[in-house]
Amino acid sequence: MGMFKDAPPSEHPDFTQLRFMAAGTPSWWKRNRHKTLGVAGLLVGFWLASHYNTAAPAASCTPAATTATATSAPVPAPQGAAAGR
């Protein structure tokens, strides 16, 4: 419909040859980049976790020998300021 009711709409002469283009299909990378980057991030995360383990080492069950036996060498006395107290 035109600007006035008595004037029918007409095509503009410069825009009669325009055609809409169909969008092309996206490439493999555009379709799958979120999956690829997600898998790469998981692999890097597992690798970092396996190489930089911050857990404390497990305590051993065997107690350390703290007393000197008659056959072992005598333990030297401490030196310095702590020896005089």
N, C-alpha and C. Protein backbone atom coordinates (compact mmCIF):
# COMPACT_ATOMS: atom_id res chain seq x y z
N MET A 1 0.84 -1.17 0.00
CA MET A 1 0.00 0.00 0.00
C MET A 1 0.88 1.23 0.00
N GLY A 2 0.52 2.19 -0.75
CA GLY A 2 1.31 3.40 -0.89
C GLY A 2 1.08 4.36 0.25
N MET A 3 1.55 5.55 0.05
CA MET A 3 1.42 6.57 1.07
C MET A 3 -0.03 7.04 1.18
N PHE A 4 -0.69 7.09 0.05
CA PHE A 4 -2.11 7.46 0.05
C PHE A 4 -2.90 6.27 -0.44
N LYS A 5 -4.14 6.20 -0.05
CA LYS A 5 -4.96 5.04 -0.39
C LYS A 5 -5.24 4.95 -1.89
N ASP A 6 -5.22 6.04 -2.59
CA ASP A 6 -5.53 5.98 -4.00
C ASP A 6 -4.31 5.65 -4.87
N ALA A 7 -3.09 5.65 -4.29
CA ALA A 7 -1.90 5.32 -5.07
C ALA A 7 -1.45 3.89 -4.73
N PRO A 8 -1.46 2.98 -5.69
CA PRO A 8 -1.03 1.61 -5.42
C PRO A 8 0.49 1.55 -5.22
N PRO A 9 0.97 0.59 -4.45
CA PRO A 9 2.41 0.47 -4.25
C PRO A 9 3.11 0.06 -5.55
N SER A 10 4.30 0.55 -5.75
CA SER A 10 5.07 0.16 -6.93
C SER A 10 6.48 -0.20 -6.49
N GLU A 11 7.12 -1.05 -7.27
CA GLU A 11 8.47 -1.47 -6.96
C GLU A 11 9.44 -0.36 -7.31
N HIS A 12 10.49 -0.27 -6.53
CA HIS A 12 11.52 0.70 -6.81
C HIS A 12 12.35 0.17 -7.98
N PRO A 13 12.68 0.98 -8.94
CA PRO A 13 13.37 0.45 -10.12
C PRO A 13 14.79 -0.04 -9.84
N ASP A 14 15.46 0.49 -8.82
CA ASP A 14 16.84 0.06 -8.55
C ASP A 14 16.91 -1.26 -7.78
N PHE A 15 15.84 -1.64 -7.11
CA PHE A 15 15.87 -2.82 -6.25
C PHE A 15 15.04 -3.99 -6.77
N THR A 16 14.68 -3.99 -8.03
CA THR A 16 13.86 -5.08 -8.55
C THR A 16 14.70 -6.32 -8.86
N GLN A 17 16.00 -6.18 -9.06
CA GLN A 17 16.85 -7.31 -9.43
C GLN A 17 17.54 -7.96 -8.24
N LEU A 18 17.28 -7.52 -7.02
CA LEU A 18 17.92 -8.10 -5.85
C LEU A 18 17.37 -9.49 -5.57
N ARG A 19 18.24 -10.39 -5.24
CA ARG A 19 17.84 -11.73 -4.88
C ARG A 19 18.50 -12.06 -3.54
N PHE A 20 17.78 -12.75 -2.71
CA PHE A 20 18.34 -13.18 -1.44
C PHE A 20 19.24 -14.37 -1.68
N MET A 21 20.37 -14.39 -1.00
CA MET A 21 21.31 -15.50 -1.12
C MET A 21 21.08 -16.46 0.04
N ALA A 22 21.10 -17.71 -0.25
CA ALA A 22 20.98 -18.71 0.80
C ALA A 22 22.30 -18.78 1.55
N ALA A 23 22.23 -18.90 2.86
CA ALA A 23 23.45 -18.99 3.67
C ALA A 23 24.14 -20.32 3.38
N GLY A 24 25.45 -20.27 3.28
CA GLY A 24 26.21 -21.49 3.04
C GLY A 24 26.27 -22.34 4.31
N THR A 25 26.57 -23.59 4.13
CA THR A 25 26.69 -24.45 5.30
C THR A 25 27.99 -24.14 6.02
N PRO A 26 27.96 -24.13 7.36
CA PRO A 26 29.19 -23.83 8.10
C PRO A 26 30.22 -24.94 7.94
N SER A 27 31.47 -24.57 8.11
CA SER A 27 32.55 -25.54 7.97
C SER A 27 32.53 -26.51 9.15
N TRP A 28 33.37 -27.54 9.03
CA TRP A 28 33.44 -28.53 10.10
C TRP A 28 33.90 -27.88 11.40
N TRP A 29 34.86 -26.97 11.30
CA TRP A 29 35.39 -26.31 12.51
C TRP A 29 34.30 -25.49 13.20
N LYS A 30 33.50 -24.75 12.44
CA LYS A 30 32.46 -23.93 13.05
C LYS A 30 31.37 -24.79 13.69
N ARG A 31 31.12 -25.96 13.13
CA ARG A 31 30.10 -26.84 13.70
C ARG A 31 30.59 -27.59 14.92
N ASN A 32 31.89 -27.87 15.02
CA ASN A 32 32.39 -28.75 16.07
C ASN A 32 33.45 -28.13 16.97
N ARG A 33 33.67 -26.82 16.90
CA ARG A 33 34.76 -26.24 17.68
C ARG A 33 34.49 -26.31 19.18
N HIS A 34 33.25 -26.20 19.61
CA HIS A 34 32.97 -26.28 21.05
C HIS A 34 33.26 -27.68 21.59
N LYS A 35 33.00 -28.70 20.77
CA LYS A 35 33.32 -30.07 21.20
C LYS A 35 34.83 -30.29 21.23
N THR A 36 35.51 -29.82 20.19
CA THR A 36 36.95 -30.01 20.10
C THR A 36 37.68 -29.30 21.23
N LEU A 37 37.31 -28.05 21.49
CA LEU A 37 37.97 -27.30 22.56
C LEU A 37 37.61 -27.88 23.93
N GLY A 38 36.41 -28.39 24.09
CA GLY A 38 36.03 -29.02 25.36
C GLY A 38 36.84 -30.27 25.65
N VAL A 39 37.00 -31.12 24.65
CA VAL A 39 37.79 -32.34 24.83
C VAL A 39 39.25 -31.99 25.07
N ALA A 40 39.78 -31.00 24.35
CA ALA A 40 41.18 -30.59 24.56
C ALA A 40 41.36 -30.02 25.97
N GLY A 41 40.39 -29.26 26.45
CA GLY A 41 40.48 -28.72 27.81
C GLY A 41 40.44 -29.81 28.86
N LEU A 42 39.61 -30.82 28.66
CA LEU A 42 39.57 -31.93 29.61
C LEU A 42 40.88 -32.70 29.62
N LEU A 43 41.44 -32.96 28.45
CA LEU A 43 42.71 -33.69 28.39
C LEU A 43 43.83 -32.90 29.06
N VAL A 44 43.90 -31.61 28.83
CA VAL A 44 44.93 -30.79 29.48
C VAL A 44 44.70 -30.75 30.99
N GLY A 45 43.45 -30.68 31.42
CA GLY A 45 43.15 -30.68 32.85
C GLY A 45 43.56 -31.98 33.53
N PHE A 46 43.28 -33.11 32.90
CA PHE A 46 43.70 -34.40 33.47
C PHE A 46 45.22 -34.52 33.49
N TRP A 47 45.87 -34.03 32.44
CA TRP A 47 47.33 -34.09 32.40
C TRP A 47 47.92 -33.24 33.52
N LEU A 48 47.40 -32.03 33.71
CA LEU A 48 47.91 -31.17 34.79
C LEU A 48 47.65 -31.79 36.15
N ALA A 49 46.50 -32.36 36.34
CA ALA A 49 46.16 -32.97 37.63
C ALA A 49 47.06 -34.17 37.92
N SER A 50 47.44 -34.90 36.90
CA SER A 50 48.29 -36.07 37.14
C SER A 50 49.74 -35.69 37.36
N HIS A 51 50.18 -34.55 36.84
CA HIS A 51 51.57 -34.15 36.98
C HIS A 51 51.82 -33.22 38.16
N TYR A 52 50.82 -32.55 38.63
CA TYR A 52 50.98 -31.60 39.73
C TYR A 52 50.09 -32.00 40.89
N ASN A 53 50.31 -33.17 41.42
CA ASN A 53 49.52 -33.69 42.53
C ASN A 53 50.01 -33.04 43.82
N THR A 54 49.11 -32.39 44.57
CA THR A 54 49.50 -31.70 45.80
C THR A 54 49.08 -32.46 47.05
N ALA A 55 48.64 -33.69 46.90
CA ALA A 55 48.21 -34.46 48.06
C ALA A 55 49.43 -34.81 48.91
N ALA A 56 49.22 -34.88 50.24
CA ALA A 56 50.30 -35.21 51.15
C ALA A 56 50.68 -36.67 50.98
N PRO A 57 51.96 -36.99 51.10
CA PRO A 57 52.36 -38.40 50.97
C PRO A 57 51.79 -39.22 52.12
N ALA A 58 51.55 -40.48 51.84
CA ALA A 58 50.97 -41.37 52.85
C ALA A 58 52.00 -41.62 53.96
N ALA A 59 51.53 -41.69 55.20
CA ALA A 59 52.40 -41.95 56.33
C ALA A 59 52.78 -43.43 56.35
N SER A 60 54.03 -43.69 56.69
CA SER A 60 54.46 -45.08 56.74
C SER A 60 53.99 -45.73 58.05
N CYS A 61 53.82 -47.01 58.02
CA CYS A 61 53.32 -47.74 59.19
C CYS A 61 54.44 -48.19 60.11
N THR A 62 55.67 -48.15 59.64
CA THR A 62 56.78 -48.62 60.47
C THR A 62 57.32 -47.46 61.29
N PRO A 63 57.42 -47.61 62.61
CA PRO A 63 57.94 -46.52 63.44
C PRO A 63 59.45 -46.39 63.28
N ALA A 64 59.93 -45.18 63.44
CA ALA A 64 61.37 -44.94 63.33
C ALA A 64 62.04 -45.34 64.62
N ALA A 65 63.27 -45.81 64.53
CA ALA A 65 64.02 -46.21 65.73
C ALA A 65 64.44 -44.95 66.47
N THR A 66 64.03 -44.82 67.74
CA THR A 66 64.34 -43.62 68.50
C THR A 66 65.28 -43.89 69.67
N THR A 67 65.44 -45.13 70.07
CA THR A 67 66.31 -45.42 71.20
C THR A 67 67.60 -46.05 70.70
N ALA A 68 68.68 -45.72 71.37
CA ALA A 68 69.98 -46.28 71.01
C ALA A 68 70.15 -47.61 71.72
N THR A 69 70.59 -48.60 71.01
CA THR A 69 70.83 -49.90 71.62
C THR A 69 72.29 -49.99 72.05
N ALA A 70 72.63 -51.00 72.73
CA ALA A 70 73.99 -51.16 73.25
C ALA A 70 74.98 -51.40 72.13
N THR A 71 74.53 -51.95 71.02
CA THR A 71 75.47 -52.26 69.94
C THR A 71 75.65 -51.09 68.99
N SER A 72 74.78 -50.09 69.03
CA SER A 72 74.90 -48.98 68.09
C SER A 72 75.83 -47.91 68.66
N ALA A 73 76.26 -47.02 67.82
CA ALA A 73 77.17 -45.94 68.22
C ALA A 73 76.42 -44.94 69.08
N PRO A 74 77.06 -44.31 70.04
CA PRO A 74 76.38 -43.32 70.88
C PRO A 74 76.00 -42.08 70.08
N VAL A 75 74.90 -41.47 70.47
CA VAL A 75 74.41 -40.29 69.81
C VAL A 75 75.13 -39.08 70.41
N PRO A 76 75.72 -38.19 69.62
CA PRO A 76 76.44 -37.05 70.19
C PRO A 76 75.47 -36.07 70.86
N ALA A 77 75.96 -35.39 71.86
CA ALA A 77 75.14 -34.41 72.59
C ALA A 77 74.96 -33.16 71.74
N PRO A 78 73.85 -32.47 71.92
CA PRO A 78 73.62 -31.26 71.15
C PRO A 78 74.62 -30.18 71.51
N GLN A 79 74.96 -29.35 70.54
CA GLN A 79 75.93 -28.28 70.78
C GLN A 79 75.24 -26.94 70.69
N GLY A 80 75.83 -25.92 71.24
CA GLY A 80 75.30 -24.59 71.15
C GLY A 80 74.62 -24.16 72.43
N ALA A 81 73.71 -23.18 72.30
CA ALA A 81 73.05 -22.60 73.46
C ALA A 81 72.09 -23.56 74.11
N ALA A 82 71.52 -24.47 73.37
CA ALA A 82 70.55 -25.40 73.93
C ALA A 82 71.21 -26.44 74.82
N ALA A 83 72.50 -26.69 74.68
CA ALA A 83 73.19 -27.72 75.46
C ALA A 83 73.39 -27.29 76.90
N GLY A 84 73.48 -26.00 77.16
CA GLY A 84 73.73 -25.53 78.52
C GLY A 84 72.48 -25.48 79.39
N ARG A 85 71.36 -25.62 78.88
CA ARG A 85 70.12 -25.49 79.67
C ARG A 85 69.75 -26.75 80.36
